[in-house]
């Protein structure tokens, strides 16, 4: 029998994870380089500004739904062994992703305020770091779901 509470919590969590991860991968790997090649810095900054609200929403939704799943599935007590270790890695990566999202937002804001004509290296690095951490989160989720 399907437990609709956990199914809905995990559905929201998974949907937000996919959107958040995809947003950073597309932005970091496609939008920023294309904007730089075409001298469309303002367009890239507009996309990055829009993504910050999505990132903040992702931090809240992913944290709340992940916490609810942990509370509901494990009664707020991590399992032993490899699964517990993988869950700790997931929470750590989520924290790193939240911090790098804030870093990317700060870099975007600084670039816009400086009125720069080209995208700074730190801004590109912030979004590419987010894309890397997002990929690690997806791999960790696959390990949790299919390996342990």
N, C-alpha and C. Protein backbone atom coordinates (compact mmCIF):
# COMPACT_ATOMS: atom_id res chain seq x y z
N UNK A 1 0.83 -1.18 0.00
CA UNK A 1 0.00 0.00 0.00
C UNK A 1 0.88 1.25 0.00
N UNK A 2 0.46 2.25 -0.72
CA UNK A 2 1.23 3.49 -0.86
C UNK A 2 0.96 4.41 0.32
N UNK A 3 2.03 4.89 0.92
CA UNK A 3 1.93 5.90 1.95
C UNK A 3 1.99 7.26 1.24
N UNK A 4 0.85 7.91 1.09
CA UNK A 4 0.78 9.13 0.31
C UNK A 4 1.50 10.30 0.96
N UNK A 5 1.67 10.28 2.25
CA UNK A 5 2.39 11.36 2.92
C UNK A 5 3.85 11.36 2.50
N UNK A 6 4.49 10.20 2.63
CA UNK A 6 5.90 10.14 2.26
C UNK A 6 6.08 10.26 0.75
N UNK A 7 5.11 9.73 -0.01
CA UNK A 7 5.20 9.85 -1.47
C UNK A 7 5.13 11.31 -1.91
N UNK A 8 4.27 12.09 -1.28
CA UNK A 8 4.16 13.51 -1.65
C UNK A 8 5.39 14.29 -1.19
N UNK A 9 5.88 14.01 0.01
CA UNK A 9 7.08 14.70 0.51
C UNK A 9 8.27 14.39 -0.39
N UNK A 10 8.47 13.13 -0.73
CA UNK A 10 9.60 12.76 -1.57
C UNK A 10 9.41 13.23 -3.01
N UNK A 11 8.16 13.30 -3.47
CA UNK A 11 7.89 13.83 -4.80
C UNK A 11 8.28 15.29 -4.91
N UNK A 12 7.90 16.09 -3.90
CA UNK A 12 8.26 17.51 -3.87
C UNK A 12 9.78 17.65 -3.76
N UNK A 13 10.39 16.85 -2.91
CA UNK A 13 11.84 16.89 -2.72
C UNK A 13 12.57 16.57 -4.04
N UNK A 14 12.14 15.52 -4.69
CA UNK A 14 12.78 15.10 -5.94
C UNK A 14 12.56 16.12 -7.05
N UNK A 15 11.35 16.63 -7.17
CA UNK A 15 11.07 17.63 -8.20
C UNK A 15 11.94 18.88 -8.00
N UNK A 16 12.02 19.36 -6.77
CA UNK A 16 12.83 20.54 -6.51
C UNK A 16 14.30 20.26 -6.75
N UNK A 17 14.75 19.06 -6.39
CA UNK A 17 16.16 18.70 -6.62
C UNK A 17 16.49 18.70 -8.10
N UNK A 18 15.60 18.15 -8.90
CA UNK A 18 15.82 18.10 -10.34
C UNK A 18 15.83 19.50 -10.94
N UNK A 19 14.86 20.33 -10.55
CA UNK A 19 14.79 21.69 -11.08
C UNK A 19 15.98 22.53 -10.64
N UNK A 20 16.34 22.42 -9.37
CA UNK A 20 17.46 23.19 -8.81
C UNK A 20 18.76 22.78 -9.49
N UNK A 21 19.00 21.47 -9.56
CA UNK A 21 20.21 20.95 -10.17
C UNK A 21 20.26 21.32 -11.65
N UNK A 22 19.17 21.09 -12.35
CA UNK A 22 19.13 21.42 -13.77
C UNK A 22 19.34 22.89 -14.03
N UNK A 23 18.75 23.73 -13.19
CA UNK A 23 18.92 25.17 -13.35
C UNK A 23 20.37 25.59 -13.27
N UNK A 24 21.08 25.05 -12.29
CA UNK A 24 22.49 25.41 -12.15
C UNK A 24 23.35 24.79 -13.24
N UNK A 25 23.05 23.57 -13.65
CA UNK A 25 23.83 22.95 -14.72
C UNK A 25 23.65 23.72 -16.03
N UNK A 26 22.42 24.04 -16.39
CA UNK A 26 22.18 24.78 -17.63
C UNK A 26 22.80 26.17 -17.56
N UNK A 27 22.63 26.84 -16.44
CA UNK A 27 23.17 28.20 -16.31
C UNK A 27 24.69 28.19 -16.32
N UNK A 28 25.28 27.33 -15.50
CA UNK A 28 26.74 27.31 -15.38
C UNK A 28 27.45 26.80 -16.62
N UNK A 29 26.84 25.85 -17.30
CA UNK A 29 27.52 25.22 -18.43
C UNK A 29 27.10 25.76 -19.80
N UNK A 30 25.91 26.40 -19.90
CA UNK A 30 25.44 26.87 -21.19
C UNK A 30 25.21 28.38 -21.26
N UNK A 31 24.42 28.92 -20.32
CA UNK A 31 24.02 30.33 -20.40
C UNK A 31 25.21 31.26 -20.22
N UNK A 32 25.98 31.05 -19.16
CA UNK A 32 27.10 31.95 -18.89
C UNK A 32 28.14 31.91 -20.02
N UNK A 33 28.58 30.72 -20.48
CA UNK A 33 29.54 30.72 -21.60
C UNK A 33 28.97 31.33 -22.89
N UNK A 34 27.70 31.05 -23.20
CA UNK A 34 27.09 31.61 -24.42
C UNK A 34 26.98 33.13 -24.33
N UNK A 35 26.60 33.63 -23.16
CA UNK A 35 26.51 35.08 -22.98
C UNK A 35 27.88 35.73 -23.10
N UNK A 36 28.88 35.06 -22.59
CA UNK A 36 30.23 35.61 -22.67
C UNK A 36 30.73 35.63 -24.12
N UNK A 37 30.45 34.58 -24.87
CA UNK A 37 30.87 34.53 -26.28
C UNK A 37 30.18 35.60 -27.12
N UNK A 38 28.94 35.92 -26.77
CA UNK A 38 28.15 36.87 -27.56
C UNK A 38 28.10 38.26 -26.96
N UNK A 39 28.97 38.54 -26.01
CA UNK A 39 29.01 39.85 -25.33
C UNK A 39 27.64 40.26 -24.81
N UNK A 40 26.93 39.32 -24.20
CA UNK A 40 25.59 39.58 -23.65
C UNK A 40 25.63 39.47 -22.14
N UNK A 41 26.51 40.25 -21.54
CA UNK A 41 26.68 40.20 -20.09
C UNK A 41 25.40 40.54 -19.36
N UNK A 42 24.67 41.54 -19.82
CA UNK A 42 23.42 41.93 -19.15
C UNK A 42 22.40 40.80 -19.17
N UNK A 43 22.32 40.07 -20.29
CA UNK A 43 21.41 38.93 -20.38
C UNK A 43 21.80 37.87 -19.36
N UNK A 44 23.09 37.57 -19.28
CA UNK A 44 23.55 36.56 -18.33
C UNK A 44 23.25 36.99 -16.90
N UNK A 45 23.47 38.25 -16.59
CA UNK A 45 23.19 38.72 -15.23
C UNK A 45 21.70 38.68 -14.92
N UNK A 46 20.86 38.94 -15.91
CA UNK A 46 19.41 38.83 -15.71
C UNK A 46 19.01 37.38 -15.41
N UNK A 47 19.59 36.44 -16.15
CA UNK A 47 19.31 35.02 -15.90
C UNK A 47 19.79 34.64 -14.51
N UNK A 48 20.98 35.08 -14.14
CA UNK A 48 21.54 34.74 -12.83
C UNK A 48 20.73 35.37 -11.70
N UNK A 49 20.24 36.59 -11.91
CA UNK A 49 19.37 37.22 -10.91
C UNK A 49 18.08 36.43 -10.72
N UNK A 50 17.51 35.97 -11.83
CA UNK A 50 16.28 35.17 -11.74
C UNK A 50 16.54 33.86 -11.02
N UNK A 51 17.69 33.29 -11.27
CA UNK A 51 18.02 31.99 -10.67
C UNK A 51 18.19 32.09 -9.15
N UNK A 52 18.57 33.27 -8.65
CA UNK A 52 18.79 33.39 -7.21
C UNK A 52 17.50 33.14 -6.43
N UNK A 53 16.36 33.61 -6.94
CA UNK A 53 15.10 33.38 -6.24
C UNK A 53 14.73 31.90 -6.27
N UNK A 54 15.03 31.28 -7.38
CA UNK A 54 14.81 29.84 -7.49
C UNK A 54 15.71 29.10 -6.52
N UNK A 55 16.95 29.56 -6.38
CA UNK A 55 17.89 28.92 -5.46
C UNK A 55 17.43 29.08 -4.02
N UNK A 56 16.98 30.27 -3.64
CA UNK A 56 16.50 30.47 -2.28
C UNK A 56 15.27 29.59 -2.01
N UNK A 57 14.37 29.53 -2.98
CA UNK A 57 13.22 28.63 -2.83
C UNK A 57 13.65 27.19 -2.72
N UNK A 58 14.65 26.82 -3.49
CA UNK A 58 15.17 25.45 -3.43
C UNK A 58 15.77 25.13 -2.07
N UNK A 59 16.49 26.08 -1.50
CA UNK A 59 17.08 25.86 -0.18
C UNK A 59 15.99 25.59 0.84
N UNK A 60 14.92 26.38 0.80
CA UNK A 60 13.83 26.22 1.75
C UNK A 60 13.06 24.92 1.51
N UNK A 61 12.65 24.69 0.25
CA UNK A 61 11.83 23.51 -0.06
C UNK A 61 12.62 22.22 0.15
N UNK A 62 13.87 22.19 -0.32
CA UNK A 62 14.69 20.98 -0.17
C UNK A 62 14.99 20.72 1.31
N UNK A 63 15.28 21.76 2.05
CA UNK A 63 15.56 21.57 3.48
C UNK A 63 14.34 21.07 4.23
N UNK A 64 13.19 21.68 3.95
CA UNK A 64 11.96 21.28 4.65
C UNK A 64 11.52 19.87 4.25
N UNK A 65 11.53 19.58 2.96
CA UNK A 65 11.07 18.25 2.53
C UNK A 65 12.07 17.17 2.90
N UNK A 66 13.36 17.46 2.82
CA UNK A 66 14.37 16.48 3.25
C UNK A 66 14.30 16.22 4.75
N UNK A 67 14.11 17.29 5.52
CA UNK A 67 13.96 17.13 6.96
C UNK A 67 12.71 16.35 7.32
N UNK A 68 11.61 16.63 6.62
CA UNK A 68 10.36 15.90 6.86
C UNK A 68 10.52 14.42 6.52
N UNK A 69 11.22 14.14 5.41
CA UNK A 69 11.45 12.74 5.03
C UNK A 69 12.31 12.03 6.07
N UNK A 70 13.35 12.71 6.55
CA UNK A 70 14.20 12.12 7.58
C UNK A 70 13.40 11.84 8.85
N UNK A 71 12.59 12.81 9.24
CA UNK A 71 11.77 12.64 10.45
C UNK A 71 10.77 11.51 10.26
N UNK A 72 10.11 11.46 9.11
CA UNK A 72 9.06 10.48 8.88
C UNK A 72 9.62 9.07 8.66
N UNK A 73 10.67 8.96 7.86
CA UNK A 73 11.22 7.64 7.54
C UNK A 73 12.03 7.03 8.68
N UNK A 74 12.83 7.85 9.33
CA UNK A 74 13.77 7.33 10.33
C UNK A 74 13.50 7.83 11.74
N UNK A 75 12.35 8.46 11.94
CA UNK A 75 11.99 9.02 13.24
C UNK A 75 13.12 9.89 13.80
N UNK A 76 13.67 10.70 12.89
CA UNK A 76 14.74 11.66 13.21
C UNK A 76 15.99 10.99 13.77
N UNK A 77 16.24 9.75 13.41
CA UNK A 77 17.43 9.04 13.83
C UNK A 77 18.04 8.37 12.60
N UNK A 78 19.25 8.73 12.26
CA UNK A 78 19.87 8.18 11.05
C UNK A 78 20.13 6.68 11.17
N UNK A 79 19.97 5.96 10.06
CA UNK A 79 20.26 4.53 10.10
C UNK A 79 21.76 4.28 10.21
N UNK A 80 22.11 3.08 10.60
CA UNK A 80 23.52 2.69 10.74
C UNK A 80 24.10 2.33 9.38
N UNK A 81 25.40 2.26 9.32
CA UNK A 81 26.09 1.72 8.16
C UNK A 81 26.18 2.67 6.97
N UNK A 82 26.24 2.06 5.80
CA UNK A 82 26.46 2.79 4.56
C UNK A 82 25.33 3.76 4.24
N UNK A 83 24.10 3.35 4.51
CA UNK A 83 22.96 4.23 4.22
C UNK A 83 23.03 5.50 5.09
N UNK A 84 23.35 5.36 6.35
CA UNK A 84 23.49 6.53 7.21
C UNK A 84 24.62 7.44 6.75
N UNK A 85 25.73 6.85 6.33
CA UNK A 85 26.85 7.63 5.82
C UNK A 85 26.47 8.38 4.55
N UNK A 86 25.73 7.70 3.66
CA UNK A 86 25.28 8.35 2.42
C UNK A 86 24.32 9.49 2.72
N UNK A 87 23.46 9.33 3.73
CA UNK A 87 22.54 10.41 4.11
C UNK A 87 23.29 11.60 4.71
N UNK A 88 24.33 11.32 5.50
CA UNK A 88 25.15 12.40 6.05
C UNK A 88 25.86 13.14 4.91
N UNK A 89 26.36 12.38 3.93
CA UNK A 89 27.00 13.01 2.77
C UNK A 89 26.00 13.87 2.02
N UNK A 90 24.75 13.40 1.90
CA UNK A 90 23.71 14.18 1.22
C UNK A 90 23.45 15.49 1.96
N UNK A 91 23.33 15.44 3.26
CA UNK A 91 23.08 16.66 4.04
C UNK A 91 24.28 17.61 3.95
N UNK A 92 25.48 17.07 3.95
CA UNK A 92 26.68 17.91 3.83
C UNK A 92 26.72 18.59 2.47
N UNK A 93 26.47 17.81 1.40
CA UNK A 93 26.45 18.39 0.06
C UNK A 93 25.35 19.43 -0.08
N UNK A 94 24.20 19.19 0.54
CA UNK A 94 23.11 20.16 0.51
C UNK A 94 23.56 21.47 1.16
N UNK A 95 24.25 21.37 2.28
CA UNK A 95 24.77 22.57 2.95
C UNK A 95 25.78 23.31 2.10
N UNK A 96 26.67 22.55 1.45
CA UNK A 96 27.65 23.16 0.54
C UNK A 96 26.93 23.83 -0.62
N UNK A 97 25.90 23.16 -1.16
CA UNK A 97 25.15 23.74 -2.27
C UNK A 97 24.44 25.02 -1.84
N UNK A 98 23.90 25.04 -0.64
CA UNK A 98 23.26 26.26 -0.14
C UNK A 98 24.29 27.39 -0.03
N UNK A 99 25.47 27.08 0.49
CA UNK A 99 26.51 28.11 0.62
C UNK A 99 27.02 28.60 -0.73
N UNK A 100 27.21 27.68 -1.68
CA UNK A 100 27.68 28.10 -2.99
C UNK A 100 26.59 28.86 -3.74
N UNK A 101 25.33 28.57 -3.45
CA UNK A 101 24.23 29.35 -4.05
C UNK A 101 24.27 30.78 -3.54
N UNK A 102 24.51 30.94 -2.25
CA UNK A 102 24.63 32.29 -1.69
C UNK A 102 25.85 33.01 -2.24
N UNK A 103 26.94 32.27 -2.43
CA UNK A 103 28.15 32.83 -3.03
C UNK A 103 27.85 33.31 -4.45
N UNK A 104 27.16 32.50 -5.24
CA UNK A 104 26.83 32.86 -6.62
C UNK A 104 25.94 34.10 -6.64
N UNK A 105 24.98 34.17 -5.72
CA UNK A 105 24.11 35.34 -5.67
C UNK A 105 24.92 36.60 -5.34
N UNK A 106 25.84 36.48 -4.38
CA UNK A 106 26.67 37.62 -3.99
C UNK A 106 27.54 38.09 -5.16
N UNK A 107 28.10 37.13 -5.89
CA UNK A 107 28.93 37.47 -7.05
C UNK A 107 28.10 38.15 -8.15
N UNK A 108 26.89 37.65 -8.36
CA UNK A 108 26.00 38.25 -9.37
C UNK A 108 25.65 39.68 -8.98
N UNK A 109 25.31 39.86 -7.73
CA UNK A 109 24.96 41.20 -7.24
C UNK A 109 26.15 42.15 -7.38
N UNK A 110 27.33 41.68 -7.01
CA UNK A 110 28.54 42.50 -7.12
C UNK A 110 28.86 42.87 -8.56
N UNK A 111 28.66 41.91 -9.47
CA UNK A 111 28.93 42.18 -10.89
C UNK A 111 27.95 43.22 -11.43
N UNK A 112 26.69 43.11 -11.05
CA UNK A 112 25.70 44.07 -11.54
C UNK A 112 25.98 45.47 -10.97
N UNK A 113 26.31 45.54 -9.69
CA UNK A 113 26.57 46.84 -9.06
C UNK A 113 27.82 47.50 -9.64
N UNK A 114 28.80 46.70 -10.03
CA UNK A 114 30.04 47.24 -10.60
C UNK A 114 29.84 47.68 -12.05
N UNK A 115 28.71 47.26 -12.66
CA UNK A 115 28.44 47.62 -14.05
C UNK A 115 29.49 47.07 -15.00
N UNK A 116 29.91 45.86 -14.75
CA UNK A 116 30.99 45.29 -15.55
C UNK A 116 30.55 45.00 -16.98
N UNK A 117 31.50 45.00 -17.86
CA UNK A 117 31.19 44.73 -19.27
C UNK A 117 31.47 43.28 -19.65
N UNK A 118 32.12 42.55 -18.77
CA UNK A 118 32.32 41.13 -19.01
C UNK A 118 32.14 40.37 -17.69
N UNK A 119 31.85 39.10 -17.80
CA UNK A 119 31.58 38.31 -16.59
C UNK A 119 32.89 37.98 -15.87
N UNK A 120 32.95 38.28 -14.57
CA UNK A 120 34.19 38.01 -13.84
C UNK A 120 34.40 36.50 -13.64
N UNK A 121 35.64 36.14 -13.50
CA UNK A 121 36.01 34.74 -13.32
C UNK A 121 35.38 34.15 -12.07
N UNK A 122 35.31 34.93 -10.99
CA UNK A 122 34.71 34.42 -9.74
C UNK A 122 33.24 34.07 -9.93
N UNK A 123 32.52 34.87 -10.72
CA UNK A 123 31.11 34.60 -10.98
C UNK A 123 30.95 33.29 -11.75
N UNK A 124 31.76 33.12 -12.78
CA UNK A 124 31.71 31.88 -13.55
C UNK A 124 32.07 30.70 -12.66
N UNK A 125 33.07 30.87 -11.83
CA UNK A 125 33.50 29.80 -10.94
C UNK A 125 32.42 29.45 -9.93
N UNK A 126 31.69 30.43 -9.43
CA UNK A 126 30.62 30.17 -8.47
C UNK A 126 29.54 29.29 -9.10
N UNK A 127 29.13 29.60 -10.32
CA UNK A 127 28.09 28.81 -10.96
C UNK A 127 28.58 27.45 -11.40
N UNK A 128 29.82 27.35 -11.79
CA UNK A 128 30.36 26.03 -12.16
C UNK A 128 30.56 25.17 -10.92
N UNK A 129 30.91 25.79 -9.80
CA UNK A 129 31.00 25.04 -8.55
C UNK A 129 29.63 24.52 -8.16
N UNK A 130 28.61 25.34 -8.30
CA UNK A 130 27.24 24.90 -8.03
C UNK A 130 26.87 23.72 -8.92
N UNK A 131 27.23 23.79 -10.19
CA UNK A 131 26.91 22.70 -11.11
C UNK A 131 27.62 21.41 -10.68
N UNK A 132 28.87 21.52 -10.23
CA UNK A 132 29.60 20.34 -9.76
C UNK A 132 28.96 19.75 -8.51
N UNK A 133 28.63 20.60 -7.54
CA UNK A 133 28.01 20.11 -6.31
C UNK A 133 26.63 19.52 -6.61
N UNK A 134 25.90 20.13 -7.54
CA UNK A 134 24.60 19.59 -7.93
C UNK A 134 24.74 18.19 -8.53
N UNK A 135 25.75 18.01 -9.35
CA UNK A 135 26.00 16.69 -9.93
C UNK A 135 26.35 15.67 -8.85
N UNK A 136 27.16 16.08 -7.88
CA UNK A 136 27.48 15.19 -6.76
C UNK A 136 26.24 14.83 -5.94
N UNK A 137 25.33 15.80 -5.78
CA UNK A 137 24.08 15.52 -5.08
C UNK A 137 23.24 14.48 -5.82
N UNK A 138 23.17 14.60 -7.13
CA UNK A 138 22.41 13.63 -7.92
C UNK A 138 23.05 12.24 -7.83
N UNK A 139 24.37 12.18 -7.91
CA UNK A 139 25.05 10.89 -7.78
C UNK A 139 24.83 10.28 -6.40
N UNK A 140 24.89 11.13 -5.37
CA UNK A 140 24.63 10.64 -4.01
C UNK A 140 23.20 10.14 -3.87
N UNK A 141 22.25 10.84 -4.46
CA UNK A 141 20.86 10.39 -4.41
C UNK A 141 20.71 9.04 -5.10
N UNK A 142 21.42 8.86 -6.21
CA UNK A 142 21.37 7.56 -6.90
C UNK A 142 21.95 6.46 -6.03
N UNK A 143 23.02 6.77 -5.32
CA UNK A 143 23.61 5.78 -4.42
C UNK A 143 22.62 5.42 -3.31
N UNK A 144 21.98 6.43 -2.72
CA UNK A 144 21.01 6.19 -1.66
C UNK A 144 19.83 5.37 -2.19
N UNK A 145 19.38 5.69 -3.38
CA UNK A 145 18.21 5.03 -3.93
C UNK A 145 18.45 3.64 -4.47
N UNK A 146 19.62 3.40 -5.03
CA UNK A 146 19.83 2.15 -5.74
C UNK A 146 20.93 1.25 -5.21
N UNK A 147 21.86 1.80 -4.43
CA UNK A 147 23.01 0.99 -3.99
C UNK A 147 22.87 0.56 -2.54
N UNK A 148 22.53 1.49 -1.66
CA UNK A 148 22.50 1.14 -0.22
C UNK A 148 21.08 1.01 0.29
